[in-house]
C-alpha atoms as a PDB file:
ATOM      1  CA  MET A   1      -1.751 143.616 -33.486  1.00  0.00           C
ATOM      2  CA  ILE A   2      -4.545 141.593 -31.909  1.00  0.00           C
ATOM      3  CA  ALA A   3      -2.873 138.854 -29.839  1.00  0.00           C
ATOM      4  CA  SER A   4      -6.010 137.307 -28.351  1.00  0.00           C
ATOM      5  CA  LEU A   5      -9.758 137.750 -28.053  1.00  0.00           C
ATOM      6  CA  ASP A   6     -12.101 136.918 -25.191  1.00  0.00           C
ATOM      7  CA  GLY A   7     -15.832 137.171 -25.756  1.00  0.00           C
ATOM      8  CA  LYS A   8     -19.118 135.526 -26.652  1.00  0.00           C
ATOM      9  CA  VAL A   9     -19.791 133.514 -29.812  1.00  0.00           C
ATOM     10  CA  LEU A  10     -22.509 135.487 -31.602  1.00  0.00           C
ATOM     11  CA  ALA A  11     -22.776 133.295 -34.701  1.00  0.00           C
ATOM     12  CA  MET A  12     -21.334 130.086 -36.104  1.00  0.00           C
ATOM     13  CA  LEU A  13     -19.862 130.146 -39.619  1.00  0.00           C
ATOM     14  CA  ASP A  14     -18.611 127.342 -41.871  1.00  0.00           C
ATOM     15  CA  ASP A  15     -14.972 128.199 -41.164  1.00  0.00           C
ATOM     16  CA  GLY A  16     -15.168 130.111 -37.894  1.00  0.00           C
ATOM     17  CA  VAL A  17     -17.275 132.325 -35.679  1.00  0.00           C
ATOM     18  CA  ILE A  18     -18.397 135.890 -35.138  1.00  0.00           C
ATOM     19  CA  LEU A  19     -16.983 136.702 -31.711  1.00  0.00           C
ATOM     20  CA  GLY A  20     -18.513 139.588 -29.759  1.00  0.00           C
ATOM     21  CA  VAL A  21     -15.915 141.516 -27.771  1.00  0.00           C
ATOM     22  CA  GLY A  22     -16.780 144.853 -26.180  1.00  0.00           C
ATOM     23  CA  GLY A  23     -19.651 145.573 -28.557  1.00  0.00           C
ATOM     24  CA  VAL A  24     -17.650 144.691 -31.681  1.00  0.00           C
ATOM     25  CA  GLY A  25     -18.152 141.491 -33.688  1.00  0.00           C
ATOM     26  CA  TYR A  26     -14.919 139.942 -34.969  1.00  0.00           C
ATOM     27  CA  ARG A  27     -14.936 137.284 -37.682  1.00  0.00           C
ATOM     28  CA  VAL A  28     -12.407 134.684 -36.558  1.00  0.00           C
ATOM     29  CA  ARG A  29     -11.404 131.664 -38.652  1.00  0.00           C
ATOM     30  CA  LEU A  30     -10.773 128.561 -36.545  1.00  0.00           C
ATOM     31  CA  THR A  31      -9.434 125.049 -37.000  1.00  0.00           C
ATOM     32  CA  THR A  32     -12.142 122.460 -37.645  1.00  0.00           C
ATOM     33  CA  PRO A  33     -11.617 120.615 -34.315  1.00  0.00           C
ATOM     34  CA  PHE A  34     -11.772 123.885 -32.343  1.00  0.00           C
ATOM     35  CA  LEU A  35     -14.890 125.009 -34.220  1.00  0.00           C
ATOM     36  CA  ALA A  36     -16.614 121.683 -33.490  1.00  0.00           C
ATOM     37  CA  GLU A  37     -16.338 122.378 -29.732  1.00  0.00           C
ATOM     38  CA  LEU A  38     -18.250 125.662 -29.932  1.00  0.00           C
ATOM     39  CA  ARG A  39     -21.892 126.734 -30.011  1.00  0.00           C
ATOM     40  CA  ALA A  40     -23.524 130.158 -30.396  1.00  0.00           C
ATOM     41  CA  GLY A  41     -23.817 131.849 -27.022  1.00  0.00           C
ATOM     42  CA  THR A  42     -20.759 130.214 -25.447  1.00  0.00           C
ATOM     43  CA  GLU A  43     -17.801 132.140 -24.078  1.00  0.00           C
ATOM     44  CA  LEU A  44     -14.588 131.860 -26.084  1.00  0.00           C
ATOM     45  CA  PHE A  45     -10.972 132.826 -25.511  1.00  0.00           C
ATOM     46  CA  CYS A  46      -8.552 132.332 -28.387  1.00  0.00           C
ATOM     47  CA  TYR A  47      -5.035 133.348 -29.348  1.00  0.00           C
ATOM     48  CA  THR A  48      -5.068 135.144 -32.685  1.00  0.00           C
ATOM     49  CA  HIS A  49      -3.018 135.878 -35.757  1.00  0.00           C
ATOM     50  CA  LEU A  50      -3.984 138.860 -37.908  1.00  0.00           C
ATOM     51  CA  SER A  51      -3.249 138.316 -41.599  1.00  0.00           C
ATOM     52  CA  ILE A  52      -3.229 141.438 -43.759  1.00  0.00           C
ATOM     53  CA  ARG A  53      -3.238 140.997 -47.521  1.00  0.00           C
ATOM     54  CA  GLU A  54      -3.800 143.603 -50.240  1.00  0.00           C
ATOM     55  CA  ASN A  55      -7.595 143.407 -50.196  1.00  0.00           C
ATOM     56  CA  GLU A  56      -8.428 141.469 -47.053  1.00  0.00           C
ATOM     57  CA  TRP A  57      -7.803 141.282 -43.339  1.00  0.00           C
ATOM     58  CA  ASN A  58      -8.365 137.937 -41.619  1.00  0.00           C
ATOM     59  CA  LEU A  59      -8.200 136.907 -37.981  1.00  0.00           C
ATOM     60  CA  PHE A  60      -7.214 133.308 -37.310  1.00  0.00           C
ATOM     61  CA  GLY A  61      -7.963 131.922 -33.851  1.00  0.00           C
ATOM     62  CA  PHE A  62      -6.269 129.113 -31.922  1.00  0.00           C
ATOM     63  CA  LYS A  63      -7.043 127.246 -28.729  1.00  0.00           C
ATOM     64  CA  THR A  64      -3.420 127.097 -27.544  1.00  0.00           C
ATOM     65  CA  GLN A  65      -0.230 129.087 -27.934  1.00  0.00           C
ATOM     66  CA  GLU A  66       1.341 125.910 -29.328  1.00  0.00           C
ATOM     67  CA  GLU A  67      -1.122 125.883 -32.250  1.00  0.00           C
ATOM     68  CA  LEU A  68      -0.540 129.595 -32.876  1.00  0.00           C
ATOM     69  CA  GLY A  69       3.242 129.149 -32.776  1.00  0.00           C
ATOM     70  CA  LEU A  70       3.176 126.270 -35.242  1.00  0.00           C
ATOM     71  CA  PHE A  71       0.756 128.185 -37.498  1.00  0.00           C
ATOM     72  CA  GLU A  72       3.145 131.148 -37.602  1.00  0.00           C
ATOM     73  CA  LEU A  73       6.106 128.845 -38.231  1.00  0.00           C
ATOM     74  CA  LEU A  74       4.273 127.198 -41.150  1.00  0.00           C
ATOM     75  CA  LEU A  75       3.698 130.665 -42.646  1.00  0.00           C
ATOM     76  CA  THR A  76       7.465 131.161 -42.971  1.00  0.00           C
ATOM     77  CA  VAL A  77       7.572 128.522 -45.719  1.00  0.00           C
ATOM     78  CA  GLN A  78       7.225 129.825 -49.264  1.00  0.00           C
ATOM     79  CA  GLY A  79       3.944 128.650 -50.771  1.00  0.00           C
ATOM     80  CA  VAL A  80       2.154 128.188 -47.433  1.00  0.00           C
ATOM     81  CA  GLY A  81      -0.408 130.899 -46.775  1.00  0.00           C
ATOM     82  CA  PRO A  82      -2.669 131.345 -43.765  1.00  0.00           C
ATOM     83  CA  LYS A  83      -5.547 129.323 -45.212  1.00  0.00           C
ATOM     84  CA  ALA A  84      -3.242 126.396 -46.069  1.00  0.00           C
ATOM     85  CA  ALA A  85      -1.619 126.522 -42.618  1.00  0.00           C
ATOM     86  CA  LEU A  86      -5.050 126.573 -40.943  1.00  0.00           C
ATOM     87  CA  GLY A  87      -6.082 123.643 -43.147  1.00  0.00           C
ATOM     88  CA  MET A  88      -3.036 121.695 -41.997  1.00  0.00           C
ATOM     89  CA  LEU A  89      -3.893 122.295 -38.335  1.00  0.00           C
ATOM     90  CA  SER A  90      -7.501 121.311 -39.057  1.00  0.00           C
ATOM     91  CA  ALA A  91      -6.431 118.016 -40.613  1.00  0.00           C
ATOM     92  CA  MET A  92      -3.700 116.935 -38.164  1.00  0.00           C
ATOM     93  CA  GLU A  93      -2.721 117.565 -34.542  1.00  0.00           C
ATOM     94  CA  PRO A  94       0.193 120.013 -34.119  1.00  0.00           C
ATOM     95  CA  GLN A  95       2.411 117.238 -32.690  1.00  0.00           C
ATOM     96  CA  ALA A  96       1.695 115.023 -35.725  1.00  0.00           C
ATOM     97  CA  ILE A  97       2.551 117.798 -38.191  1.00  0.00           C
ATOM     98  CA  ALA A  98       5.736 118.657 -36.316  1.00  0.00           C
ATOM     99  CA  GLY A  99       6.625 114.976 -35.973  1.00  0.00           C
ATOM    100  CA  ALA A 100       6.235 114.409 -39.720  1.00  0.00           C
ATOM    101  CA  ILE A 101       8.422 117.427 -40.449  1.00  0.00           C
ATOM    102  CA  ALA A 102      11.083 116.597 -37.824  1.00  0.00           C
ATOM    103  CA  GLY A 103      11.063 112.942 -38.905  1.00  0.00           C
ATOM    104  CA  GLU A 104      11.493 113.995 -42.543  1.00  0.00           C
ATOM    105  CA  GLN A 105       8.299 112.234 -43.659  1.00  0.00           C
ATOM    106  CA  PRO A 106       6.789 114.421 -46.396  1.00  0.00           C
ATOM    107  CA  GLY A 107       4.470 111.548 -47.370  1.00  0.00           C
ATOM    108  CA  MET A 108       2.491 112.058 -44.164  1.00  0.00           C
ATOM    109  CA  LEU A 109       2.021 115.730 -45.015  1.00  0.00           C
ATOM    110  CA  THR A 110       0.726 114.999 -48.515  1.00  0.00           C
ATOM    111  CA  ARG A 111      -2.277 113.281 -46.899  1.00  0.00           C
ATOM    112  CA  ILE A 112      -3.488 116.745 -45.919  1.00  0.00           C
ATOM    113  CA  PRO A 113      -5.844 118.217 -48.541  1.00  0.00           C
ATOM    114  CA  GLY A 114      -4.100 120.970 -50.504  1.00  0.00           C
ATOM    115  CA  ILE A 115      -0.548 119.915 -49.582  1.00  0.00           C
ATOM    116  CA  GLY A 116       1.284 118.428 -52.536  1.00  0.00           C
ATOM    117  CA  GLN A 117       4.660 116.729 -52.706  1.00  0.00           C
ATOM    118  CA  LYS A 118       6.540 119.943 -53.513  1.00  0.00           C
ATOM    119  CA  ILE A 119       5.143 121.900 -50.540  1.00  0.00           C
ATOM    120  CA  ALA A 120       5.563 118.882 -48.232  1.00  0.00           C
ATOM    121  CA  GLN A 121       9.241 118.599 -49.180  1.00  0.00           C
ATOM    122  CA  ARG A 122       9.728 122.346 -48.711  1.00  0.00           C
ATOM    123  CA  LEU A 123       8.113 122.144 -45.250  1.00  0.00           C
ATOM    124  CA  VAL A 124      10.518 119.367 -44.247  1.00  0.00           C
ATOM    125  CA  LEU A 125      13.567 121.124 -45.692  1.00  0.00           C
ATOM    126  CA  ASP A 126      12.806 124.535 -44.184  1.00  0.00           C
ATOM    127  CA  LEU A 127      11.415 123.502 -40.793  1.00  0.00           C
ATOM    128  CA  LYS A 128      12.978 120.172 -39.772  1.00  0.00           C
ATOM    129  CA  ASN A 129      15.320 121.854 -37.274  1.00  0.00           C
ATOM    130  CA  LYS A 130      12.700 124.309 -36.012  1.00  0.00           C
ATOM    131  CA  VAL A 131       9.672 122.158 -35.121  1.00  0.00           C
ATOM    132  CA  GLY A 132      11.163 119.964 -32.405  1.00  0.00           C
ATOM    133  CA  ILE A 133       9.473 121.841 -29.583  1.00  0.00           C
ATOM    134  CA  TYR A 134       6.072 121.212 -31.191  1.00  0.00           C
ATOM    135  CA  ALA A 135       6.806 117.553 -31.958  1.00  0.00           C
ATOM    136  CA  THR A 136       7.257 116.840 -28.262  1.00  0.00           C
ATOM    137  CA  GLY A 137       4.118 118.726 -27.299  1.00  0.00           C
ATOM    138  CA  MET A 138       6.063 121.114 -25.083  1.00  0.00           C
ATOM    139  CA  THR A 139       5.643 124.857 -25.394  1.00  0.00           C
ATOM    140  CA  PRO A 140       8.833 126.854 -25.039  1.00  0.00           C
ATOM    141  CA  ALA A 141       9.068 129.052 -21.958  1.00  0.00           C
ATOM    142  CA  SER A 142      10.218 131.891 -24.189  1.00  0.00           C
ATOM    143  CA  ALA A 143      11.174 132.724 -27.743  1.00  0.00           C
ATOM    144  CA  SER A 144      14.841 132.486 -26.749  1.00  0.00           C
ATOM    145  CA  ASP A 145      14.292 128.871 -25.600  1.00  0.00           C
ATOM    146  CA  SER A 146      12.936 128.006 -29.030  1.00  0.00           C
ATOM    147  CA  ASP A 147      15.860 129.793 -30.711  1.00  0.00           C
ATOM    148  CA  ALA A 148      18.334 128.060 -28.392  1.00  0.00           C
ATOM    149  CA  ILE A 149      16.825 124.661 -29.224  1.00  0.00           C
ATOM    150  CA  SER A 150      17.127 125.456 -32.936  1.00  0.00           C
ATOM    151  CA  ALA A 151      20.776 126.457 -32.482  1.00  0.00           C
ATOM    152  CA  LEU A 152      21.618 123.342 -30.461  1.00  0.00           C
ATOM    153  CA  THR A 153      19.894 120.987 -32.911  1.00  0.00           C
ATOM    154  CA  ALA A 154      21.784 122.680 -35.752  1.00  0.00           C
ATOM    155  CA  LEU A 155      24.974 121.733 -33.884  1.00  0.00           C
ATOM    156  CA  GLY A 156      23.934 118.084 -33.877  1.00  0.00           C
ATOM    157  CA  TYR A 157      22.198 117.672 -30.525  1.00  0.00           C
ATOM    158  CA  SER A 158      18.749 116.097 -30.358  1.00  0.00           C
ATOM    159  CA  VAL A 159      15.705 118.136 -29.354  1.00  0.00           C
ATOM    160  CA  ALA A 160      15.430 116.095 -26.139  1.00  0.00           C
ATOM    161  CA  GLU A 161      19.084 116.799 -25.239  1.00  0.00           C
ATOM    162  CA  ALA A 162      18.634 120.510 -25.940  1.00  0.00           C
ATOM    163  CA  GLN A 163      15.425 120.699 -23.889  1.00  0.00           C
ATOM    164  CA  GLY A 164      17.025 118.813 -21.007  1.00  0.00           C
ATOM    165  CA  ALA A 165      19.970 121.205 -20.890  1.00  0.00           C
ATOM    166  CA  LEU A 166      17.756 124.306 -21.137  1.00  0.00           C
ATOM    167  CA  LYS A 167      15.447 123.123 -18.323  1.00  0.00           C
ATOM    168  CA  GLN A 168      18.385 123.386 -15.921  1.00  0.00           C
ATOM    169  CA  LEU A 169      19.106 127.034 -16.804  1.00  0.00           C
ATOM    170  CA  ASP A 170      17.849 130.345 -15.453  1.00  0.00           C
ATOM    171  CA  PRO A 171      15.002 131.502 -17.743  1.00  0.00           C
ATOM    172  CA  LYS A 172      16.200 135.112 -17.385  1.00  0.00           C
ATOM    173  CA  MET A 173      19.437 134.382 -19.267  1.00  0.00           C
ATOM    174  CA  THR A 174      19.947 135.921 -22.707  1.00  0.00           C
ATOM    175  CA  LEU A 175      19.867 133.710 -25.801  1.00  0.00           C
ATOM    176  CA  GLU A 176      23.663 133.734 -26.074  1.00  0.00           C
ATOM    177  CA  GLU A 177      24.081 132.854 -22.396  1.00  0.00           C
ATOM    178  CA  LYS A 178      21.586 129.998 -22.712  1.00  0.00           C
ATOM    179  CA  ILE A 179      23.363 128.517 -25.733  1.00  0.00           C
ATOM    180  CA  PHE A 180      26.799 128.809 -24.085  1.00  0.00           C
ATOM    181  CA  ALA A 181      25.592 127.305 -20.778  1.00  0.00           C
ATOM    182  CA  ALA A 182      23.677 124.522 -22.544  1.00  0.00           C
ATOM    183  CA  LEU A 183      26.769 123.619 -24.580  1.00  0.00           C
ATOM    184  CA  GLN A 184      28.777 123.400 -21.353  1.00  0.00           C
ATOM    185  CA  LYS A 185      26.168 121.099 -19.778  1.00  0.00           C
ATOM    186  CA  LEU A 186      25.954 118.929 -22.895  1.00  0.00           C
ATOM    187  CA  SER A 187      29.737 118.518 -23.095  1.00  0.00           C
ATOM    188  CA  ASP A 188      30.009 117.288 -19.461  1.00  0.00           C
END
């Protein structure tokens, strides 16, 4: 898998760029705000997601790991493909999308072109307990932190309470150890 690319913008496209890396030109689709910052000839580093479908391979590029993480989370929802997820991140900031989902406000999501009521409701239902880390604008230190936050919020704790408890723990702990220790801290 291609996790990131670092190179020179060779050409600007309507929905992305051709990025030259080591003599190879990669077509990378970008969010509209990210694309607006770039010009041909500039250096670019982006985190990437490789989408492989039956007849096409697409690279999607993101400025931050937070954007990439939310993009990949959006893809877990039935009916949301990579182009729709990229469109969502082009239309709204990651924190706004996550806030609308966590706050159970599907009406905010339907303002995004291509997102109807049914998909908006599915996004809220499927992701409301998983997007808290993105709603606060904090990036998890690890995947286990994100999983621990999801587990703690499923038990009724707020995202802020879960994050506060996890901040006090050793980042080298396993997921199970983090959840157990966080529950002890939260019950004190």
